[in-house]
Amino acid sequence: MGYLFLIVCSFMGGIYCRRASNNKLMIIQNYLSSSYPNFYYELSVDRFDIGQTEAFAFNLSRPSLKDKLDNLDDTRLKELLLDKYFADVGCIFFSLGAVFFFSLLILVL
């Protein structure tokens, strides 16, 4: 019964972190569209026909944009990106925890 509780808690933690990550992405998108419209337009270019929000998230994660983000020298933007990074890491951590506890449950039974 304890393993089932840990599985449910890990699963809910993963869902919560995923929601927090999506929320931070929307905040970053709104912040960039109001503060840096040209940079926002560059990030919103949909090259693969996947949708504007998905293209924004994909382009934001590209390593080639790290220099451009550093050149903006905006502390609020860096804090938002760091919060999104921690939410993504939390989502991975809780998902792996759920898989681990589920594996333990199967091995114990």
PDB file of N, CA and C in Angstrom:
ATOM      1  N   MET A   1       0.825  -1.197   0.000  1.00  0.00           N
ATOM      2  CA  MET A   1       0.000   0.000   0.000  1.00  0.00           C
ATOM      3  C   MET A   1       0.867   1.258   0.000  1.00  0.00           C
ATOM      4  N   GLY A   2       2.015   1.169   0.669  1.00  0.00           N
ATOM      5  CA  GLY A   2       2.928   2.309   0.710  1.00  0.00           C
ATOM      6  C   GLY A   2       3.502   2.627  -0.658  1.00  0.00           C
ATOM      7  N   TYR A   3       3.818   1.554  -1.441  1.00  0.00           N
ATOM      8  CA  TYR A   3       4.343   1.780  -2.783  1.00  0.00           C
ATOM      9  C   TYR A   3       3.309   2.460  -3.671  1.00  0.00           C
ATOM     10  N   LEU A   4       2.059   2.056  -3.521  1.00  0.00           N
ATOM     11  CA  LEU A   4       0.995   2.675  -4.309  1.00  0.00           C
ATOM     12  C   LEU A   4       0.868   4.159  -3.980  1.00  0.00           C
ATOM     13  N   PHE A   5       0.995   4.489  -2.706  1.00  0.00           N
ATOM     14  CA  PHE A   5       0.961   5.890  -2.292  1.00  0.00           C
ATOM     15  C   PHE A   5       2.131   6.661  -2.906  1.00  0.00           C
ATOM     16  N   LEU A   6       3.329   6.063  -2.903  1.00  0.00           N
ATOM     17  CA  LEU A   6       4.495   6.729  -3.490  1.00  0.00           C
ATOM     18  C   LEU A   6       4.341   6.903  -4.998  1.00  0.00           C
ATOM     19  N   ILE A   7       3.747   5.915  -5.657  1.00  0.00           N
ATOM     20  CA  ILE A   7       3.522   6.021  -7.104  1.00  0.00           C
ATOM     21  C   ILE A   7       2.562   7.163  -7.408  1.00  0.00           C
ATOM     22  N   VAL A   8       1.470   7.226  -6.667  1.00  0.00           N
ATOM     23  CA  VAL A   8       0.476   8.281  -6.895  1.00  0.00           C
ATOM     24  C   VAL A   8       1.073   9.649  -6.592  1.00  0.00           C
ATOM     25  N   CYS A   9       1.837   9.760  -5.505  1.00  0.00           N
ATOM     26  CA  CYS A   9       2.462  11.049  -5.164  1.00  0.00           C
ATOM     27  C   CYS A   9       3.468  11.477  -6.225  1.00  0.00           C
ATOM     28  N   SER A  10       4.265  10.538  -6.726  1.00  0.00           N
ATOM     29  CA  SER A  10       5.234  10.873  -7.770  1.00  0.00           C
ATOM     30  C   SER A  10       4.531  11.286  -9.052  1.00  0.00           C
ATOM     31  N   PHE A  11       3.473  10.573  -9.394  1.00  0.00           N
ATOM     32  CA  PHE A  11       2.716  10.908 -10.592  1.00  0.00           C
ATOM     33  C   PHE A  11       2.097  12.298 -10.478  1.00  0.00           C
ATOM     34  N   MET A  12       1.511  12.591  -9.325  1.00  0.00           N
ATOM     35  CA  MET A  12       0.901  13.909  -9.116  1.00  0.00           C
ATOM     36  C   MET A  12       1.967  15.007  -9.092  1.00  0.00           C
ATOM     37  N   GLY A  13       3.133  14.709  -8.521  1.00  0.00           N
ATOM     38  CA  GLY A  13       4.231  15.675  -8.541  1.00  0.00           C
ATOM     39  C   GLY A  13       4.684  15.974  -9.955  1.00  0.00           C
ATOM     40  N   GLY A  14       4.751  14.940 -10.803  1.00  0.00           N
ATOM     41  CA  GLY A  14       5.112  15.138 -12.207  1.00  0.00           C
ATOM     42  C   GLY A  14       4.096  15.982 -12.950  1.00  0.00           C
ATOM     43  N   ILE A  15       2.818  15.730 -12.687  1.00  0.00           N
ATOM     44  CA  ILE A  15       1.759  16.524 -13.328  1.00  0.00           C
ATOM     45  C   ILE A  15       1.827  17.975 -12.864  1.00  0.00           C
ATOM     46  N   TYR A  16       2.051  18.169 -11.566  1.00  0.00           N
ATOM     47  CA  TYR A  16       2.146  19.534 -11.035  1.00  0.00           C
ATOM     48  C   TYR A  16       3.330  20.282 -11.655  1.00  0.00           C
ATOM     49  N   CYS A  17       4.480  19.624 -11.756  1.00  0.00           N
ATOM     50  CA  CYS A  17       5.654  20.279 -12.345  1.00  0.00           C
ATOM     51  C   CYS A  17       5.437  20.569 -13.826  1.00  0.00           C
ATOM     52  N   ARG A  18       4.741  19.673 -14.520  1.00  0.00           N
ATOM     53  CA  ARG A  18       4.458  19.916 -15.936  1.00  0.00           C
ATOM     54  C   ARG A  18       3.542  21.125 -16.104  1.00  0.00           C
ATOM     55  N   ARG A  19       2.553  21.234 -15.234  1.00  0.00           N
ATOM     56  CA  ARG A  19       1.668  22.404 -15.277  1.00  0.00           C
ATOM     57  C   ARG A  19       2.427  23.681 -14.972  1.00  0.00           C
ATOM     58  N   ALA A  20       3.329  23.617 -13.997  1.00  0.00           N
ATOM     59  CA  ALA A  20       4.135  24.790 -13.657  1.00  0.00           C
ATOM     60  C   ALA A  20       5.036  25.172 -14.821  1.00  0.00           C
ATOM     61  N   SER A  21       5.592  24.181 -15.519  1.00  0.00           N
ATOM     62  CA  SER A  21       6.441  24.456 -16.675  1.00  0.00           C
ATOM     63  C   SER A  21       5.647  25.120 -17.797  1.00  0.00           C
ATOM     64  N   ASN A  22       4.449  24.617 -18.074  1.00  0.00           N
ATOM     65  CA  ASN A  22       3.609  25.236 -19.105  1.00  0.00           C
ATOM     66  C   ASN A  22       3.203  26.650 -18.714  1.00  0.00           C
ATOM     67  N   ASN A  23       2.916  26.857 -17.436  1.00  0.00           N
ATOM     68  CA  ASN A  23       2.560  28.190 -16.952  1.00  0.00           C
ATOM     69  C   ASN A  23       3.734  29.155 -17.125  1.00  0.00           C
ATOM     70  N   LYS A  24       4.933  28.714 -16.776  1.00  0.00           N
ATOM     71  CA  LYS A  24       6.119  29.567 -16.943  1.00  0.00           C
ATOM     72  C   LYS A  24       6.373  29.865 -18.417  1.00  0.00           C
ATOM     73  N   LEU A  25       6.121  28.882 -19.287  1.00  0.00           N
ATOM     74  CA  LEU A  25       6.299  29.110 -20.719  1.00  0.00           C
ATOM     75  C   LEU A  25       5.348  30.194 -21.216  1.00  0.00           C
ATOM     76  N   MET A  26       4.103  30.180 -20.752  1.00  0.00           N
ATOM     77  CA  MET A  26       3.145  31.216 -21.147  1.00  0.00           C
ATOM     78  C   MET A  26       3.554  32.584 -20.600  1.00  0.00           C
ATOM     79  N   ILE A  27       4.068  32.616 -19.380  1.00  0.00           N
ATOM     80  CA  ILE A  27       4.531  33.883 -18.805  1.00  0.00           C
ATOM     81  C   ILE A  27       5.714  34.419 -19.597  1.00  0.00           C
ATOM     82  N   ILE A  28       6.649  33.541 -19.968  1.00  0.00           N
ATOM     83  CA  ILE A  28       7.806  33.957 -20.773  1.00  0.00           C
ATOM     84  C   ILE A  28       7.339  34.463 -22.126  1.00  0.00           C
ATOM     85  N   GLN A  29       6.385  33.764 -22.723  1.00  0.00           N
ATOM     86  CA  GLN A  29       5.866  34.172 -24.029  1.00  0.00           C
ATOM     87  C   GLN A  29       5.214  35.550 -23.950  1.00  0.00           C
ATOM     88  N   ASN A  30       4.401  35.790 -22.945  1.00  0.00           N
ATOM     89  CA  ASN A  30       3.760  37.099 -22.791  1.00  0.00           C
ATOM     90  C   ASN A  30       4.780  38.185 -22.482  1.00  0.00           C
ATOM     91  N   TYR A  31       5.772  37.864 -21.661  1.00  0.00           N
ATOM     92  CA  TYR A  31       6.793  38.849 -21.300  1.00  0.00           C
ATOM     93  C   TYR A  31       7.626  39.241 -22.520  1.00  0.00           C
ATOM     94  N   LEU A  32       8.031  38.253 -23.316  1.00  0.00           N
ATOM     95  CA  LEU A  32       8.827  38.566 -24.504  1.00  0.00           C
ATOM     96  C   LEU A  32       8.011  39.313 -25.556  1.00  0.00           C
ATOM     97  N   SER A  33       6.737  38.970 -25.693  1.00  0.00           N
ATOM     98  CA  SER A  33       5.926  39.654 -26.704  1.00  0.00           C
ATOM     99  C   SER A  33       5.698  41.116 -26.349  1.00  0.00           C
ATOM    100  N   SER A  34       5.676  41.435 -25.057  1.00  0.00           N
ATOM    101  CA  SER A  34       5.473  42.833 -24.677  1.00  0.00           C
ATOM    102  C   SER A  34       6.789  43.599 -24.554  1.00  0.00           C
ATOM    103  N   SER A  35       7.853  42.940 -24.119  1.00  0.00           N
ATOM    104  CA  SER A  35       9.121  43.646 -23.893  1.00  0.00           C
ATOM    105  C   SER A  35      10.038  43.643 -25.110  1.00  0.00           C
ATOM    106  N   TYR A  36      10.109  42.522 -25.800  1.00  0.00           N
ATOM    107  CA  TYR A  36      11.011  42.373 -26.947  1.00  0.00           C
ATOM    108  C   TYR A  36      10.240  41.778 -28.127  1.00  0.00           C
ATOM    109  N   PRO A  37       9.432  42.585 -28.816  1.00  0.00           N
ATOM    110  CA  PRO A  37       8.582  42.022 -29.882  1.00  0.00           C
ATOM    111  C   PRO A  37       9.371  41.430 -31.051  1.00  0.00           C
ATOM    112  N   ASN A  38      10.513  42.023 -31.404  1.00  0.00           N
ATOM    113  CA  ASN A  38      11.298  41.483 -32.520  1.00  0.00           C
ATOM    114  C   ASN A  38      11.886  40.119 -32.169  1.00  0.00           C
ATOM    115  N   PHE A  39      12.395  40.000 -30.957  1.00  0.00           N
ATOM    116  CA  PHE A  39      12.954  38.727 -30.506  1.00  0.00           C
ATOM    117  C   PHE A  39      11.850  37.678 -30.364  1.00  0.00           C
ATOM    118  N   TYR A  40      10.684  38.110 -29.908  1.00  0.00           N
ATOM    119  CA  TYR A  40       9.541  37.195 -29.799  1.00  0.00           C
ATOM    120  C   TYR A  40       9.135  36.691 -31.183  1.00  0.00           C
ATOM    121  N   TYR A  41       9.128  37.574 -32.165  1.00  0.00           N
ATOM    122  CA  TYR A  41       8.775  37.156 -33.520  1.00  0.00           C
ATOM    123  C   TYR A  41       9.784  36.138 -34.043  1.00  0.00           C
ATOM    124  N   GLU A  42      11.060  36.360 -33.741  1.00  0.00           N
ATOM    125  CA  GLU A  42      12.101  35.422 -34.173  1.00  0.00           C
ATOM    126  C   GLU A  42      11.905  34.043 -33.531  1.00  0.00           C
ATOM    127  N   LEU A  43      11.499  34.037 -32.273  1.00  0.00           N
ATOM    128  CA  LEU A  43      11.271  32.763 -31.589  1.00  0.00           C
ATOM    129  C   LEU A  43       9.983  32.081 -32.034  1.00  0.00           C
ATOM    130  N   SER A  44       9.032  32.830 -32.537  1.00  0.00           N
ATOM    131  CA  SER A  44       7.730  32.269 -32.905  1.00  0.00           C
ATOM    132  C   SER A  44       7.659  31.784 -34.340  1.00  0.00           C
ATOM    133  N   VAL A  45       8.751  31.887 -35.084  1.00  0.00           N
ATOM    134  CA  VAL A  45       8.745  31.433 -36.468  1.00  0.00           C
ATOM    135  C   VAL A  45       8.545  29.918 -36.483  1.00  0.00           C
ATOM    136  N   ASP A  46       7.523  29.478 -37.201  1.00  0.00           N
ATOM    137  CA  ASP A  46       7.152  28.063 -37.240  1.00  0.00           C
ATOM    138  C   ASP A  46       7.734  27.429 -38.497  1.00  0.00           C
ATOM    139  N   ARG A  47       8.923  26.851 -38.378  1.00  0.00           N
ATOM    140  CA  ARG A  47       9.596  26.265 -39.541  1.00  0.00           C
ATOM    141  C   ARG A  47       9.092  24.857 -39.860  1.00  0.00           C
ATOM    142  N   PHE A  48       8.583  24.164 -38.860  1.00  0.00           N
ATOM    143  CA  PHE A  48       8.212  22.762 -39.036  1.00  0.00           C
ATOM    144  C   PHE A  48       6.706  22.542 -39.048  1.00  0.00           C
ATOM    145  N   ASP A  49       5.926  23.617 -39.075  1.00  0.00           N
ATOM    146  CA  ASP A  49       4.461  23.546 -39.106  1.00  0.00           C
ATOM    147  C   ASP A  49       3.926  22.727 -37.925  1.00  0.00           C
ATOM    148  N   ILE A  50       4.372  23.110 -36.715  1.00  0.00           N
ATOM    149  CA  ILE A  50       3.951  22.400 -35.504  1.00  0.00           C
ATOM    150  C   ILE A  50       3.065  23.261 -34.615  1.00  0.00           C
ATOM    151  N   GLY A  51       2.839  24.482 -34.991  1.00  0.00           N
ATOM    152  CA  GLY A  51       2.032  25.389 -34.173  1.00  0.00           C
ATOM    153  C   GLY A  51       2.918  26.445 -33.539  1.00  0.00           C
ATOM    154  N   GLN A  52       2.350  27.614 -33.310  1.00  0.00           N
ATOM    155  CA  GLN A  52       3.145  28.743 -32.836  1.00  0.00           C
ATOM    156  C   GLN A  52       3.682  28.531 -31.419  1.00  0.00           C
ATOM    157  N   THR A  53       2.875  27.995 -30.519  1.00  0.00           N
ATOM    158  CA  THR A  53       3.326  27.791 -29.142  1.00  0.00           C
ATOM    159  C   THR A  53       4.415  26.731 -29.075  1.00  0.00           C
ATOM    160  N   GLU A  54       4.238  25.637 -29.816  1.00  0.00           N
ATOM    161  CA  GLU A  54       5.245  24.582 -29.831  1.00  0.00           C
ATOM    162  C   GLU A  54       6.525  25.063 -30.504  1.00  0.00           C
ATOM    163  N   ALA A  55       6.384  25.866 -31.565  1.00  0.00           N
ATOM    164  CA  ALA A  55       7.565  26.420 -32.228  1.00  0.00           C
ATOM    165  C   ALA A  55       8.308  27.370 -31.298  1.00  0.00           C
ATOM    166  N   PHE A  56       7.559  28.151 -30.513  1.00  0.00           N
ATOM    167  CA  PHE A  56       8.186  29.050 -29.548  1.00  0.00           C
ATOM    168  C   PHE A  56       8.979  28.255 -28.517  1.00  0.00           C
ATOM    169  N   ALA A  57       8.391  27.184 -27.987  1.00  0.00           N
ATOM    170  CA  ALA A  57       9.083  26.354 -26.991  1.00  0.00           C
ATOM    171  C   ALA A  57      10.303  25.678 -27.605  1.00  0.00           C
ATOM    172  N   PHE A  58      10.178  25.196 -28.842  1.00  0.00           N
ATOM    173  CA  PHE A  58      11.303  24.548 -29.513  1.00  0.00           C
ATOM    174  C   PHE A  58      12.430  25.540 -29.767  1.00  0.00           C
ATOM    175  N   ASN A  59      12.086  26.713 -30.279  1.00  0.00           N
ATOM    176  CA  ASN A  59      13.110  27.715 -30.576  1.00  0.00           C
ATOM    177  C   ASN A  59      13.742  28.281 -29.310  1.00  0.00           C
ATOM    178  N   LEU A  60      12.992  28.344 -28.225  1.00  0.00           N
ATOM    179  CA  LEU A  60      13.529  28.840 -26.960  1.00  0.00           C
ATOM    180  C   LEU A  60      14.566  27.883 -26.387  1.00  0.00           C
ATOM    181  N   SER A  61      14.437  26.602 -26.694  1.00  0.00           N
ATOM    182  CA  SER A  61      15.365  25.608 -26.151  1.00  0.00           C
ATOM    183  C   SER A  61      16.604  25.407 -27.019  1.00  0.00           C
ATOM    184  N   ARG A  62      16.692  26.094 -28.135  1.00  0.00           N
ATOM    185  CA  ARG A  62      17.864  25.931 -29.000  1.00  0.00           C
ATOM    186  C   ARG A  62      19.110  26.518 -28.350  1.00  0.00           C
ATOM    187  N   PRO A  63      20.218  25.792 -28.387  1.00  0.00           N
ATOM    188  CA  PRO A  63      21.457  26.317 -27.776  1.00  0.00           C
ATOM    189  C   PRO A  63      22.009  27.551 -28.492  1.00  0.00           C
ATOM    190  N   SER A  64      21.690  27.728 -29.765  1.00  0.00           N
ATOM    191  CA  SER A  64      22.230  28.866 -30.508  1.00  0.00           C
ATOM    192  C   SER A  64      21.651  30.198 -30.030  1.00  0.00           C
ATOM    193  N   LEU A  65      20.543  30.170 -29.314  1.00  0.00           N
ATOM    194  CA  LEU A  65      19.937  31.411 -28.825  1.00  0.00           C
ATOM    195  C   LEU A  65      20.457  31.830 -27.456  1.00  0.00           C
ATOM    196  N   LYS A  66      21.332  31.031 -26.861  1.00  0.00           N
ATOM    197  CA  LYS A  66      21.842  31.354 -25.535  1.00  0.00           C
ATOM    198  C   LYS A  66      22.577  32.689 -25.541  1.00  0.00           C
ATOM    199  N   ASP A  67      23.372  32.955 -26.575  1.00  0.00           N
ATOM    200  CA  ASP A  67      24.095  34.229 -26.652  1.00  0.00           C
ATOM    201  C   ASP A  67      23.132  35.407 -26.790  1.00  0.00           C
ATOM    202  N   LYS A  68      22.085  35.237 -27.575  1.00  0.00           N
ATOM    203  CA  LYS A  68      21.115  36.323 -27.733  1.00  0.00           C
ATOM    204  C   LYS A  68      20.376  36.591 -26.428  1.00  0.00           C
ATOM    205  N   LEU A  69      20.053  35.532 -25.691  1.00  0.00           N
ATOM    206  CA  LEU A  69      19.393  35.717 -24.396  1.00  0.00           C
ATOM    207  C   LEU A  69      20.327  36.382 -23.396  1.00  0.00           C
ATOM    208  N   ASP A  70      21.616  36.038 -23.445  1.00  0.00           N
ATOM    209  CA  ASP A  70      22.582  36.676 -22.544  1.00  0.00           C
ATOM    210  C   ASP A  70      22.797  38.141 -22.906  1.00  0.00           C
ATOM    211  N   ASN A  71      22.721  38.465 -24.194  1.00  0.00           N
ATOM    212  CA  ASN A  71      22.901  39.854 -24.625  1.00  0.00           C
ATOM    213  C   ASN A  71      21.740  40.749 -24.199  1.00  0.00           C
ATOM    214  N   LEU A  72      20.569  40.169 -23.970  1.00  0.00           N
ATOM    215  CA  LEU A  72      19.434  40.980 -23.520  1.00  0.00           C
ATOM    216  C   LEU A  72      19.670  41.518 -22.116  1.00  0.00           C
ATOM    217  N   ASP A  73      20.416  40.791 -21.301  1.00  0.00           N
ATOM    218  CA  ASP A  73      20.777  41.204 -19.939  1.00  0.00           C
ATOM    219  C   ASP A  73      19.532  41.612 -19.146  1.00  0.00           C
ATOM    220  N   ASP A  74      18.543  40.751 -19.168  1.00  0.00           N
ATOM    221  CA  ASP A  74      17.274  40.987 -18.478  1.00  0.00           C
ATOM    222  C   ASP A  74      17.158  39.977 -17.337  1.00  0.00           C
ATOM    223  N   THR A  75      17.206  40.468 -16.109  1.00  0.00           N
ATOM    224  CA  THR A  75      17.194  39.559 -14.964  1.00  0.00           C
ATOM    225  C   THR A  75      15.840  38.872 -14.798  1.00  0.00           C
ATOM    226  N   ARG A  76      14.755  39.564 -15.104  1.00  0.00           N
ATOM    227  CA  ARG A  76      13.429  38.938 -14.976  1.00  0.00           C
ATOM    228  C   ARG A  76      13.298  37.768 -15.938  1.00  0.00           C
ATOM    229  N   LEU A  77      13.772  37.939 -17.160  1.00  0.00           N
ATOM    230  CA  LEU A  77      13.707  36.865 -18.144  1.00  0.00           C
ATOM    231  C   LEU A  77      14.565  35.678 -17.704  1.00  0.00           C
ATOM    232  N   LYS A  78      15.737  35.955 -17.167  1.00  0.00           N
ATOM    233  CA  LYS A  78      16.605  34.871 -16.702  1.00  0.00           C
ATOM    234  C   LYS A  78      15.983  34.125 -15.528  1.00  0.00           C
ATOM    235  N   GLU A  79      15.310  34.844 -14.638  1.00  0.00           N
ATOM    236  CA  GLU A  79      14.626  34.186 -13.518  1.00  0.00           C
ATOM    237  C   GLU A  79      13.484  33.306 -14.016  1.00  0.00           C
ATOM    238  N   LEU A  80      12.737  33.794 -14.992  1.00  0.00           N
ATOM    239  CA  LEU A  80      11.641  32.996 -15.544  1.00  0.00           C
ATOM    240  C   LEU A  80      12.164  31.743 -16.242  1.00  0.00           C
ATOM    241  N   LEU A  81      13.261  31.879 -16.983  1.00  0.00           N
ATOM    242  CA  LEU A  81      13.846  30.718 -17.653  1.00  0.00           C
ATOM    243  C   LEU A  81      14.386  29.712 -16.643  1.00  0.00           C
ATOM    244  N   LEU A  82      14.975  30.203 -15.550  1.00  0.00           N
ATOM    245  CA  LEU A  82      15.477  29.310 -14.511  1.00  0.00           C
ATOM    246  C   LEU A  82      14.324  28.578 -13.820  1.00  0.00           C
ATOM    247  N   ASP A  83      13.228  29.288 -13.560  1.00  0.00           N
ATOM    248  CA  ASP A  83      12.052  28.644 -12.969  1.00  0.00           C
ATOM    249  C   ASP A  83      11.488  27.562 -13.884  1.00  0.00           C
ATOM    250  N   LYS A  84      11.456  27.843 -15.196  1.00  0.00           N
ATOM    251  CA  LYS A  84      10.968  26.845 -16.150  1.00  0.00           C
ATOM    252  C   LYS A  84      11.900  25.640 -16.185  1.00  0.00           C
ATOM    253  N   TYR A  85      13.198  25.890 -16.111  1.00  0.00           N
ATOM    254  CA  TYR A  85      14.168  24.795 -16.105  1.00  0.00           C
ATOM    255  C   TYR A  85      13.962  23.902 -14.878  1.00  0.00           C
ATOM    256  N   PHE A  86      13.789  24.498 -13.707  1.00  0.00           N
ATOM    257  CA  PHE A  86      13.580  23.716 -12.490  1.00  0.00           C
ATOM    258  C   PHE A  86      12.267  22.929 -12.553  1.00  0.00           C
ATOM    259  N   ALA A  87      11.243  23.514 -13.147  1.00  0.00           N
ATOM    260  CA  ALA A  87       9.974  22.795 -13.288  1.00  0.00           C
ATOM    261  C   ALA A  87      10.133  21.603 -14.235  1.00  0.00           C
ATOM    262  N   ASP A  88      10.905  21.772 -15.313  1.00  0.00           N
ATOM    263  CA  ASP A  88      11.154  20.659 -16.234  1.00  0.00           C
ATOM    264  C   ASP A  88      11.955  19.549 -15.563  1.00  0.00           C
ATOM    265  N   VAL A  89      12.968  19.930 -14.785  1.00  0.00           N
ATOM    266  CA  VAL A  89      13.770  18.933 -14.066  1.00  0.00           C
ATOM    267  C   VAL A  89      12.902  18.213 -13.032  1.00  0.00           C
ATOM    268  N   GLY A  90      12.038  18.941 -12.352  1.00  0.00           N
ATOM    269  CA  GLY A  90      11.129  18.320 -11.392  1.00  0.00           C
ATOM    270  C   GLY A  90      10.189  17.335 -12.052  1.00  0.00           C
ATOM    271  N   CYS A  91       9.717  17.670 -13.236  1.00  0.00           N
ATOM    272  CA  CYS A  91       8.828  16.770 -13.970  1.00  0.00           C
ATOM    273  C   CYS A  91       9.548  15.464 -14.302  1.00  0.00           C
ATOM    274  N   ILE A  92      10.784  15.566 -14.758  1.00  0.00           N
ATOM    275  CA  ILE A  92      11.569  14.369 -15.064  1.00  0.00           C
ATOM    276  C   ILE A  92      11.837  13.569 -13.795  1.00  0.00           C
ATOM    277  N   PHE A  93      12.201  14.249 -12.724  1.00  0.00           N
ATOM    278  CA  PHE A  93      12.498  13.590 -11.454  1.00  0.00           C
ATOM    279  C   PHE A  93      11.288  12.814 -10.933  1.00  0.00           C
ATOM    280  N   PHE A  94      10.129  13.447 -10.911  1.00  0.00           N
ATOM    281  CA  PHE A  94       8.935  12.777 -10.404  1.00  0.00           C
ATOM    282  C   PHE A  94       8.481  11.650 -11.329  1.00  0.00           C
ATOM    283  N   SER A  95       8.655  11.809 -12.634  1.00  0.00           N
ATOM    284  CA  SER A  95       8.286  10.741 -13.563  1.00  0.00           C
ATOM    285  C   SER A  95       9.176   9.519 -13.367  1.00  0.00           C
ATOM    286  N   LEU A  96      10.471   9.754 -13.214  1.00  0.00           N
ATOM    287  CA  LEU A  96      11.378   8.634 -12.952  1.00  0.00           C
ATOM    288  C   LEU A  96      11.075   7.992 -11.603  1.00  0.00           C
ATOM    289  N   GLY A  97      10.689   8.797 -10.629  1.00  0.00           N
ATOM    290  CA  GLY A  97      10.302   8.254  -9.330  1.00  0.00           C
ATOM    291  C   GLY A  97       9.087   7.356  -9.431  1.00  0.00           C
ATOM    292  N   ALA A  98       8.108   7.766 -10.218  1.00  0.00           N
ATOM    293  CA  ALA A  98       6.909   6.940 -10.393  1.00  0.00           C
ATOM    294  C   ALA A  98       7.262   5.614 -11.060  1.00  0.00           C
ATOM    295  N   VAL A  99       8.128   5.658 -12.069  1.00  0.00           N
ATOM    296  CA  VAL A  99       8.554   4.423 -12.738  1.00  0.00           C
ATOM    297  C   VAL A  99       9.331   3.540 -11.769  1.00  0.00           C
ATOM    298  N   PHE A 100      10.208   4.133 -10.984  1.00  0.00           N
ATOM    299  CA  PHE A 100      11.003   3.376 -10.017  1.00  0.00           C
ATOM    300  C   PHE A 100      10.110   2.700  -8.975  1.00  0.00           C
ATOM    301  N   PHE A 101       9.176   3.438  -8.405  1.00  0.00           N
ATOM    302  CA  PHE A 101       8.305   2.855  -7.385  1.00  0.00           C
ATOM    303  C   PHE A 101       7.354   1.815  -7.979  1.00  0.00           C
ATOM    304  N   PHE A 102       6.939   2.017  -9.228  1.00  0.00           N
ATOM    305  CA  PHE A 102       6.101   1.014  -9.881  1.00  0.00           C
ATOM    306  C   PHE A 102       6.895  -0.266 -10.112  1.00  0.00           C
ATOM    307  N   SER A 103       8.165  -0.120 -10.504  1.00  0.00           N
ATOM    308  CA  SER A 103       9.020  -1.297 -10.678  1.00  0.00           C
ATOM    309  C   SER A 103       9.216  -2.029  -9.358  1.00  0.00           C
ATOM    310  N   LEU A 104       9.417  -1.278  -8.282  1.00  0.00           N
ATOM    311  CA  LEU A 104       9.541  -1.911  -6.969  1.00  0.00           C
ATOM    312  C   LEU A 104       8.261  -2.638  -6.577  1.00  0.00           C
ATOM    313  N   LEU A 105       7.127  -2.047  -6.892  1.00  0.00           N
ATOM    314  CA  LEU A 105       5.850  -2.681  -6.579  1.00  0.00           C
ATOM    315  C   LEU A 105       5.717  -4.010  -7.308  1.00  0.00           C
ATOM    316  N   ILE A 106       6.118  -4.038  -8.568  1.00  0.00           N
ATOM    317  CA  ILE A 106       6.038  -5.278  -9.343  1.00  0.00           C
ATOM    318  C   ILE A 106       7.009  -6.320  -8.789  1.00  0.00           C
ATOM    319  N   LEU A 107       8.220  -5.894  -8.426  1.00  0.00           N
ATOM    320  CA  LEU A 107       9.204  -6.839  -7.893  1.00  0.00           C
ATOM    321  C   LEU A 107       8.792  -7.391  -6.533  1.00  0.00           C
ATOM    322  N   VAL A 108       8.148  -6.582  -5.716  1.00  0.00           N
ATOM    323  CA  VAL A 108       7.738  -7.029  -4.384  1.00  0.00           C
ATOM    324  C   VAL A 108       6.561  -7.992  -4.478  1.00  0.00           C
ATOM    325  N   LEU A 109       5.645  -7.711  -5.383  1.00  0.00           N
ATOM    326  CA  LEU A 109       4.482  -8.594  -5.517  1.00  0.00           C
ATOM    327  C   LEU A 109       4.903  -9.811  -6.278  1.00  0.00           C
TER     328      LEU A 109
END
